[in-house]
Amino acid sequence: MAGEGKSKVVAALLCFFLGCLGVHRFYVGKVGTGVLCLLTMGGLGIWALIDFVMILLGKFTDSKGQALT
């Protein structure tokens, strides 16, 4: 249904500003990896950087495997 997808813009902004806390992963429903990201400070920033690039390229999905809109 329309309107159920998560926003690519919101995910990118959350990742850019709060990526080391894993907030973008919580936003898309990936709670388990969000907690890991939070505990490791985004893999010392590397994990957050990779996620940010993947979001910009359109390769990042939500917890259901759906592309961000």
PDB file of N, CA and C in Angstrom:
ATOM      1  N   MET A   1       0.829  -1.182   0.000  1.00  0.00           N
ATOM      2  CA  MET A   1       0.000   0.000   0.000  1.00  0.00           C
ATOM      3  C   MET A   1       0.875   1.248   0.000  1.00  0.00           C
ATOM      4  N   ALA A   2       0.370   2.298  -0.554  1.00  0.00           N
ATOM      5  CA  ALA A   2       1.112   3.550  -0.636  1.00  0.00           C
ATOM      6  C   ALA A   2       1.284   4.164   0.747  1.00  0.00           C
ATOM      7  N   GLY A   3       2.420   4.801   0.951  1.00  0.00           N
ATOM      8  CA  GLY A   3       2.661   5.503   2.194  1.00  0.00           C
ATOM      9  C   GLY A   3       3.277   4.666   3.294  1.00  0.00           C
ATOM     10  N   GLU A   4       3.469   3.361   3.060  1.00  0.00           N
ATOM     11  CA  GLU A   4       4.029   2.503   4.092  1.00  0.00           C
ATOM     12  C   GLU A   4       5.549   2.505   4.102  1.00  0.00           C
ATOM     13  N   GLY A   5       6.173   2.886   2.988  1.00  0.00           N
ATOM     14  CA  GLY A   5       7.618   2.853   2.890  1.00  0.00           C
ATOM     15  C   GLY A   5       8.278   3.935   3.726  1.00  0.00           C
ATOM     16  N   LYS A   6       9.513   3.670   4.073  1.00  0.00           N
ATOM     17  CA  LYS A   6      10.298   4.639   4.832  1.00  0.00           C
ATOM     18  C   LYS A   6      10.986   5.589   3.857  1.00  0.00           C
ATOM     19  N   SER A   7      11.174   6.826   4.292  1.00  0.00           N
ATOM     20  CA  SER A   7      11.737   7.860   3.443  1.00  0.00           C
ATOM     21  C   SER A   7      13.260   7.745   3.337  1.00  0.00           C
ATOM     22  N   LYS A   8      13.731   7.799   2.111  1.00  0.00           N
ATOM     23  CA  LYS A   8      15.167   7.774   1.850  1.00  0.00           C
ATOM     24  C   LYS A   8      15.837   9.041   2.386  1.00  0.00           C
ATOM     25  N   VAL A   9      15.162  10.181   2.260  1.00  0.00           N
ATOM     26  CA  VAL A   9      15.709  11.462   2.728  1.00  0.00           C
ATOM     27  C   VAL A   9      15.852  11.460   4.249  1.00  0.00           C
ATOM     28  N   VAL A  10      14.809  10.998   4.935  1.00  0.00           N
ATOM     29  CA  VAL A  10      14.861  10.955   6.399  1.00  0.00           C
ATOM     30  C   VAL A  10      15.955  10.000   6.860  1.00  0.00           C
ATOM     31  N   ALA A  11      16.043   8.829   6.239  1.00  0.00           N
ATOM     32  CA  ALA A  11      17.071   7.855   6.605  1.00  0.00           C
ATOM     33  C   ALA A  11      18.470   8.423   6.368  1.00  0.00           C
ATOM     34  N   ALA A  12      18.662   9.131   5.256  1.00  0.00           N
ATOM     35  CA  ALA A  12      19.967   9.718   4.952  1.00  0.00           C
ATOM     36  C   ALA A  12      20.338  10.790   5.975  1.00  0.00           C
ATOM     37  N   LEU A  13      19.375  11.633   6.347  1.00  0.00           N
ATOM     38  CA  LEU A  13      19.648  12.677   7.337  1.00  0.00           C
ATOM     39  C   LEU A  13      19.952  12.082   8.712  1.00  0.00           C
ATOM     40  N   LEU A  14      19.179  11.077   9.108  1.00  0.00           N
ATOM     41  CA  LEU A  14      19.436  10.418  10.386  1.00  0.00           C
ATOM     42  C   LEU A  14      20.806   9.752  10.389  1.00  0.00           C
ATOM     43  N   CYS A  15      21.151   9.123   9.284  1.00  0.00           N
ATOM     44  CA  CYS A  15      22.452   8.462   9.187  1.00  0.00           C
ATOM     45  C   CYS A  15      23.584   9.480   9.227  1.00  0.00           C
ATOM     46  N   PHE A  16      23.420  10.594   8.533  1.00  0.00           N
ATOM     47  CA  PHE A  16      24.470  11.611   8.481  1.00  0.00           C
ATOM     48  C   PHE A  16      24.717  12.230   9.853  1.00  0.00           C
ATOM     49  N   PHE A  17      23.626  12.591  10.544  1.00  0.00           N
ATOM     50  CA  PHE A  17      23.770  13.286  11.816  1.00  0.00           C
ATOM     51  C   PHE A  17      23.872  12.363  13.032  1.00  0.00           C
ATOM     52  N   LEU A  18      23.211  11.207  12.976  1.00  0.00           N
ATOM     53  CA  LEU A  18      23.180  10.310  14.139  1.00  0.00           C
ATOM     54  C   LEU A  18      23.587   8.878  13.780  1.00  0.00           C
ATOM     55  N   GLY A  19      24.345   8.729  12.716  1.00  0.00           N
ATOM     56  CA  GLY A  19      24.723   7.404  12.229  1.00  0.00           C
ATOM     57  C   GLY A  19      25.499   6.575  13.227  1.00  0.00           C
ATOM     58  N   CYS A  20      26.347   7.203  13.999  1.00  0.00           N
ATOM     59  CA  CYS A  20      27.140   6.467  14.992  1.00  0.00           C
ATOM     60  C   CYS A  20      26.284   5.931  16.126  1.00  0.00           C
ATOM     61  N   LEU A  21      25.067   6.410  16.250  1.00  0.00           N
ATOM     62  CA  LEU A  21      24.146   5.912  17.272  1.00  0.00           C
ATOM     63  C   LEU A  21      23.165   4.885  16.692  1.00  0.00           C
ATOM     64  N   GLY A  22      23.219   4.666  15.386  1.00  0.00           N
ATOM     65  CA  GLY A  22      22.357   3.681  14.737  1.00  0.00           C
ATOM     66  C   GLY A  22      20.909   4.108  14.596  1.00  0.00           C
ATOM     67  N   VAL A  23      20.620   5.388  14.737  1.00  0.00           N
ATOM     68  CA  VAL A  23      19.235   5.870  14.696  1.00  0.00           C
ATOM     69  C   VAL A  23      18.573   5.544  13.358  1.00  0.00           C
ATOM     70  N   HIS A  24      19.313   5.623  12.266  1.00  0.00           N
ATOM     71  CA  HIS A  24      18.740   5.320  10.950  1.00  0.00           C
ATOM     72  C   HIS A  24      18.285   3.864  10.858  1.00  0.00           C
ATOM     73  N   ARG A  25      18.985   2.970  11.538  1.00  0.00           N
ATOM     74  CA  ARG A  25      18.599   1.554  11.526  1.00  0.00           C
ATOM     75  C   ARG A  25      17.337   1.323  12.350  1.00  0.00           C
ATOM     76  N   PHE A  26      17.203   2.016  13.466  1.00  0.00           N
ATOM     77  CA  PHE A  26      15.965   1.939  14.237  1.00  0.00           C
ATOM     78  C   PHE A  26      14.801   2.480  13.406  1.00  0.00           C
ATOM     79  N   TYR A  27      15.039   3.554  12.656  1.00  0.00           N
ATOM     80  CA  TYR A  27      14.000   4.176  11.829  1.00  0.00           C
ATOM     81  C   TYR A  27      13.434   3.205  10.797  1.00  0.00           C
ATOM     82  N   VAL A  28      14.296   2.404  10.169  1.00  0.00           N
ATOM     83  CA  VAL A  28      13.820   1.482   9.139  1.00  0.00           C
ATOM     84  C   VAL A  28      13.387   0.135   9.712  1.00  0.00           C
ATOM     85  N   GLY A  29      13.461  -0.021  11.040  1.00  0.00           N
ATOM     86  CA  GLY A  29      12.974  -1.238  11.675  1.00  0.00           C
ATOM     87  C   GLY A  29      14.008  -2.308  11.922  1.00  0.00           C
ATOM     88  N   LYS A  30      15.267  -2.010  11.690  1.00  0.00           N
ATOM     89  CA  LYS A  30      16.344  -2.976  11.920  1.00  0.00           C
ATOM     90  C   LYS A  30      16.881  -2.788  13.344  1.00  0.00           C
ATOM     91  N   VAL A  31      16.075  -3.225  14.317  1.00  0.00           N
ATOM     92  CA  VAL A  31      16.372  -2.968  15.724  1.00  0.00           C
ATOM     93  C   VAL A  31      17.633  -3.704  16.184  1.00  0.00           C
ATOM     94  N   GLY A  32      17.791  -4.947  15.795  1.00  0.00           N
ATOM     95  CA  GLY A  32      18.953  -5.735  16.220  1.00  0.00           C
ATOM     96  C   GLY A  32      20.271  -5.111  15.801  1.00  0.00           C
ATOM     97  N   THR A  33      20.379  -4.759  14.531  1.00  0.00           N
ATOM     98  CA  THR A  33      21.613  -4.132  14.067  1.00  0.00           C
ATOM     99  C   THR A  33      21.710  -2.688  14.542  1.00  0.00           C
ATOM    100  N   GLY A  34      20.564  -2.083  14.855  1.00  0.00           N
ATOM    101  CA  GLY A  34      20.579  -0.741  15.442  1.00  0.00           C
ATOM    102  C   GLY A  34      21.238  -0.752  16.805  1.00  0.00           C
ATOM    103  N   VAL A  35      20.928  -1.773  17.606  1.00  0.00           N
ATOM    104  CA  VAL A  35      21.543  -1.908  18.929  1.00  0.00           C
ATOM    105  C   VAL A  35      23.043  -2.163  18.790  1.00  0.00           C
ATOM    106  N   LEU A  36      23.417  -3.041  17.852  1.00  0.00           N
ATOM    107  CA  LEU A  36      24.848  -3.300  17.623  1.00  0.00           C
ATOM    108  C   LEU A  36      25.580  -2.040  17.179  1.00  0.00           C
ATOM    109  N   CYS A  37      24.946  -1.297  16.314  1.00  0.00           N
ATOM    110  CA  CYS A  37      25.525  -0.040  15.841  1.00  0.00           C
ATOM    111  C   CYS A  37      25.677   0.944  16.998  1.00  0.00           C
ATOM    112  N   LEU A  38      24.694   0.991  17.869  1.00  0.00           N
ATOM    113  CA  LEU A  38      24.735   1.870  19.038  1.00  0.00           C
ATOM    114  C   LEU A  38      25.872   1.472  19.974  1.00  0.00           C
ATOM    115  N   LEU A  39      26.029   0.179  20.225  1.00  0.00           N
ATOM    116  CA  LEU A  39      27.057  -0.305  21.141  1.00  0.00           C
ATOM    117  C   LEU A  39      28.476  -0.140  20.605  1.00  0.00           C
ATOM    118  N   THR A  40      28.619  -0.160  19.271  1.00  0.00           N
ATOM    119  CA  THR A  40      29.958  -0.046  18.674  1.00  0.00           C
ATOM    120  C   THR A  40      30.225   1.336  18.084  1.00  0.00           C
ATOM    121  N   MET A  41      29.322   2.283  18.383  1.00  0.00           N
ATOM    122  CA  MET A  41      29.437   3.638  17.825  1.00  0.00           C
ATOM    123  C   MET A  41      29.530   3.603  16.298  1.00  0.00           C
ATOM    124  N   GLY A  42      28.627   2.847  15.701  1.00  0.00           N
ATOM    125  CA  GLY A  42      28.579   2.752  14.242  1.00  0.00           C
ATOM    126  C   GLY A  42      29.789   2.048  13.665  1.00  0.00           C
ATOM    127  N   GLY A  43      30.285   1.057  14.400  1.00  0.00           N
ATOM    128  CA  GLY A  43      31.501   0.375  13.939  1.00  0.00           C
ATOM    129  C   GLY A  43      32.641   1.358  13.829  1.00  0.00           C
ATOM    130  N   LEU A  44      32.725   2.236  14.850  1.00  0.00           N
ATOM    131  CA  LEU A  44      33.713   3.324  14.882  1.00  0.00           C
ATOM    132  C   LEU A  44      33.572   4.254  13.684  1.00  0.00           C
ATOM    133  N   GLY A  45      32.339   4.385  13.208  1.00  0.00           N
ATOM    134  CA  GLY A  45      32.037   5.313  12.120  1.00  0.00           C
ATOM    135  C   GLY A  45      32.059   4.684  10.742  1.00  0.00           C
ATOM    136  N   ILE A  46      32.708   3.551  10.617  1.00  0.00           N
ATOM    137  CA  ILE A  46      32.827   2.904   9.301  1.00  0.00           C
ATOM    138  C   ILE A  46      31.487   2.344   8.855  1.00  0.00           C
ATOM    139  N   TRP A  47      30.793   1.676   9.763  1.00  0.00           N
ATOM    140  CA  TRP A  47      29.498   1.095   9.452  1.00  0.00           C
ATOM    141  C   TRP A  47      28.506   2.191   9.060  1.00  0.00           C
ATOM    142  N   ALA A  48      28.520   3.290   9.795  1.00  0.00           N
ATOM    143  CA  ALA A  48      27.625   4.410   9.492  1.00  0.00           C
ATOM    144  C   ALA A  48      27.942   5.011   8.126  1.00  0.00           C
ATOM    145  N   LEU A  49      29.221   5.133   7.796  1.00  0.00           N
ATOM    146  CA  LEU A  49      29.618   5.671   6.495  1.00  0.00           C
ATOM    147  C   LEU A  49      29.147   4.769   5.357  1.00  0.00           C
ATOM    148  N   ILE A  50      29.320   3.475   5.524  1.00  0.00           N
ATOM    149  CA  ILE A  50      28.876   2.522   4.502  1.00  0.00           C
ATOM    150  C   ILE A  50      27.365   2.589   4.334  1.00  0.00           C
ATOM    151  N   ASP A  51      26.634   2.641   5.458  1.00  0.00           N
ATOM    152  CA  ASP A  51      25.173   2.765   5.384  1.00  0.00           C
ATOM    153  C   ASP A  51      24.763   4.042   4.671  1.00  0.00           C
ATOM    154  N   PHE A  52      25.439   5.152   4.960  1.00  0.00           N
ATOM    155  CA  PHE A  52      25.116   6.428   4.322  1.00  0.00           C
ATOM    156  C   PHE A  52      25.278   6.341   2.809  1.00  0.00           C
ATOM    157  N   VAL A  53      26.358   5.748   2.363  1.00  0.00           N
ATOM    158  CA  VAL A  53      26.591   5.584   0.921  1.00  0.00           C
ATOM    159  C   VAL A  53      25.528   4.673   0.313  1.00  0.00           C
ATOM    160  N   MET A  54      25.196   3.588   1.023  1.00  0.00           N
ATOM    161  CA  MET A  54      24.178   2.670   0.509  1.00  0.00           C
ATOM    162  C   MET A  54      22.806   3.345   0.414  1.00  0.00           C
ATOM    163  N   ILE A  55      22.483   4.199   1.379  1.00  0.00           N
ATOM    164  CA  ILE A  55      21.214   4.932   1.332  1.00  0.00           C
ATOM    165  C   ILE A  55      21.196   5.855   0.122  1.00  0.00           C
ATOM    166  N   LEU A  56      22.286   6.572  -0.102  1.00  0.00           N
ATOM    167  CA  LEU A  56      22.353   7.501  -1.242  1.00  0.00           C
ATOM    168  C   LEU A  56      22.264   6.769  -2.576  1.00  0.00           C
ATOM    169  N   LEU A  57      22.828   5.564  -2.639  1.00  0.00           N
ATOM    170  CA  LEU A  57      22.796   4.787  -3.876  1.00  0.00           C
ATOM    171  C   LEU A  57      21.488   4.020  -4.066  1.00  0.00           C
ATOM    172  N   GLY A  58      20.630   4.029  -3.040  1.00  0.00           N
ATOM    173  CA  GLY A  58      19.355   3.325  -3.138  1.00  0.00           C
ATOM    174  C   GLY A  58      19.450   1.842  -2.867  1.00  0.00           C
ATOM    175  N   LYS A  59      20.517   1.396  -2.247  1.00  0.00           N
ATOM    176  CA  LYS A  59      20.724  -0.028  -1.971  1.00  0.00           C
ATOM    177  C   LYS A  59      20.324  -0.422  -0.557  1.00  0.00           C
ATOM    178  N   PHE A  60      19.941   0.530   0.282  1.00  0.00           N
ATOM    179  CA  PHE A  60      19.583   0.274   1.677  1.00  0.00           C
ATOM    180  C   PHE A  60      18.101  -0.059   1.745  1.00  0.00           C
ATOM    181  N   THR A  61      17.731  -1.106   2.481  1.00  0.00           N
ATOM    182  CA  THR A  61      16.336  -1.529   2.577  1.00  0.00           C
ATOM    183  C   THR A  61      15.846  -1.456   4.023  1.00  0.00           C
ATOM    184  N   ASP A  62      14.526  -1.529   4.178  1.00  0.00           N
ATOM    185  CA  ASP A  62      13.966  -1.551   5.534  1.00  0.00           C
ATOM    186  C   ASP A  62      13.982  -2.988   6.052  1.00  0.00           C
ATOM    187  N   SER A  63      13.380  -3.201   7.212  1.00  0.00           N
ATOM    188  CA  SER A  63      13.408  -4.536   7.842  1.00  0.00           C
ATOM    189  C   SER A  63      12.653  -5.586   7.038  1.00  0.00           C
ATOM    190  N   LYS A  64      11.774  -5.158   6.138  1.00  0.00           N
ATOM    191  CA  LYS A  64      11.001  -6.083   5.308  1.00  0.00           C
ATOM    192  C   LYS A  64      11.667  -6.310   3.948  1.00  0.00           C
ATOM    193  N   GLY A  65      12.826  -5.722   3.738  1.00  0.00           N
ATOM    194  CA  GLY A  65      13.522  -5.874   2.467  1.00  0.00           C
ATOM    195  C   GLY A  65      13.045  -4.934   1.369  1.00  0.00           C
ATOM    196  N   GLN A  66      12.201  -3.976   1.734  1.00  0.00           N
ATOM    197  CA  GLN A  66      11.664  -3.045   0.737  1.00  0.00           C
ATOM    198  C   GLN A  66      12.585  -1.839   0.601  1.00  0.00           C
ATOM    199  N   ALA A  67      12.722  -1.358  -0.603  1.00  0.00           N
ATOM    200  CA  ALA A  67      13.556  -0.184  -0.870  1.00  0.00           C
ATOM    201  C   ALA A  67      12.942   1.049  -0.216  1.00  0.00           C
ATOM    202  N   LEU A  68      13.787   1.965   0.179  1.00  0.00           N
ATOM    203  CA  LEU A  68      13.314   3.228   0.757  1.00  0.00           C
ATOM    204  C   LEU A  68      12.737   4.094  -0.348  1.00  0.00           C
ATOM    205  N   THR A  69      11.714   4.872  -0.022  1.00  0.00           N
ATOM    206  CA  THR A  69      11.056   5.693  -1.052  1.00  0.00           C
ATOM    207  C   THR A  69      11.575   7.108  -1.041  1.00  0.00           C
TER     208      THR A  69
END
